[in-house]
Protein backbone atom coordinates (compact mmCIF):
# COMPACT_ATOMS: atom_id res chain seq x y z
CA UNK A 1 -0.06 0.36 0.27
CA UNK A 2 0.89 3.66 -0.89
CA UNK A 3 0.55 5.33 2.01
CA UNK A 4 0.38 9.45 0.92
CA UNK A 5 -0.10 13.09 2.54
CA UNK A 6 -0.92 15.63 1.24
CA UNK A 7 0.47 19.26 3.79
CA UNK A 8 -1.78 21.67 3.55
CA UNK A 9 -1.88 25.37 5.99
CA UNK A 10 -5.58 26.97 7.16
CA UNK A 11 -6.90 29.43 4.24
CA UNK A 12 -5.28 27.61 1.26
CA UNK A 13 -7.51 27.57 -1.92
CA UNK A 14 -4.41 25.64 -3.60
CA UNK A 15 -4.24 22.69 -0.56
CA UNK A 16 -8.32 21.69 -0.97
CA UNK A 17 -7.66 21.67 -4.99
CA UNK A 18 -5.13 19.04 -3.63
CA UNK A 19 -7.44 17.56 -1.69
CA UNK A 20 -9.96 17.32 -4.13
CA UNK A 21 -7.85 15.39 -6.33
CA UNK A 22 -5.81 13.70 -4.78
CA UNK A 23 -9.58 11.91 -3.42
CA UNK A 24 -10.00 11.20 -6.94
CA UNK A 25 -7.04 9.06 -7.77
CA UNK A 26 -6.58 6.91 -5.04
CA UNK A 27 -10.15 5.99 -6.27
CA UNK A 28 -9.66 5.40 -9.11
CA UNK A 29 -6.46 3.89 -8.42
CA UNK A 30 -8.13 2.21 -5.64
CA UNK A 31 -8.27 1.90 -1.98
CA UNK A 32 -6.75 -1.12 -1.46
CA UNK A 33 -3.36 0.68 -2.92
CA UNK A 34 -3.78 4.13 -1.95
CA UNK A 35 -4.20 5.37 1.34
CA UNK A 36 -3.65 8.75 1.90
CA UNK A 37 -3.79 12.07 4.73
CA UNK A 38 -4.61 15.82 4.98
CA UNK A 39 -0.89 17.03 7.24
CA UNK A 40 -2.32 20.81 8.50
CA UNK A 41 1.39 21.75 8.45
CA UNK A 42 0.67 24.96 10.96
CA UNK A 43 -0.73 21.49 14.02
CA UNK A 44 2.77 19.50 12.61
CA UNK A 45 5.37 21.61 11.79
CA UNK A 46 7.91 19.17 12.77
CA UNK A 47 6.90 16.15 11.04
CA UNK A 48 6.35 18.66 8.28
CA UNK A 49 10.30 20.80 8.39
CA UNK A 50 11.71 16.62 8.94
CA UNK A 51 10.33 15.94 5.33
CA UNK A 52 11.22 19.58 3.78
CA UNK A 53 8.08 20.84 3.72
CA UNK A 54 8.11 24.95 2.52
CA UNK A 55 5.00 25.63 1.31
CA UNK A 56 1.99 24.18 1.27
CA UNK A 57 0.17 21.90 -0.64
CA UNK A 58 3.33 19.85 -1.37
CA UNK A 59 2.73 16.20 -1.45
CA UNK A 60 4.65 13.43 0.34
CA UNK A 61 4.92 9.88 -0.41
CA UNK A 62 5.92 7.19 1.77
CA UNK A 63 7.79 9.35 3.80
CA UNK A 64 8.87 11.43 1.30
CA UNK A 65 8.88 15.09 -0.46
CA UNK A 66 7.65 13.82 -3.90
CA UNK A 67 5.38 17.37 -5.14
CA UNK A 68 7.00 20.00 -3.49
CA UNK A 69 4.17 21.94 -4.75
CA UNK A 70 1.08 20.93 -6.34
CA UNK A 71 1.21 18.68 -9.33
CA UNK A 72 -1.04 18.33 -12.36
CA UNK A 73 -3.44 15.47 -11.97
CA UNK A 74 -1.77 13.53 -14.80
CA UNK A 75 1.68 13.66 -12.43
CA UNK A 76 0.58 12.03 -9.13
CA UNK A 77 -1.05 9.85 -10.95
CA UNK A 78 2.04 8.37 -13.11
CA UNK A 79 4.26 8.75 -10.11
CA UNK A 80 1.70 6.75 -7.99
CA UNK A 81 1.00 3.96 -10.85
CA UNK A 82 5.22 3.74 -11.99
CA UNK A 83 5.29 2.66 -7.70
CA UNK A 84 2.16 0.57 -7.73
CA UNK A 85 4.14 -1.36 -10.91
CA UNK A 86 7.02 -1.46 -9.31
CA UNK A 87 5.93 -3.56 -6.31
CA UNK A 88 4.90 -1.04 -3.70
CA UNK A 89 1.30 -2.72 -3.41
CA UNK A 90 0.07 -4.43 -0.47
């Protein structure tokens, strides 16, 4: 299973867009393959800094910062499909 985290902050317009896109892509690939959570960078600042998150929204996959800004749905889907093909799925 791939674990995705979207780092967001209150009042961030693009963050809502990121959550919506991530939810759609995760549902498309299957809840059994992709798990995601929304991380409020103000509440989990130390964790965000440890991963190198500087702006919101950012997206981490399996505990590593992969997108430091909002990717297109196509780029996100391609990255997740690549990881699933490499055997990161349960």
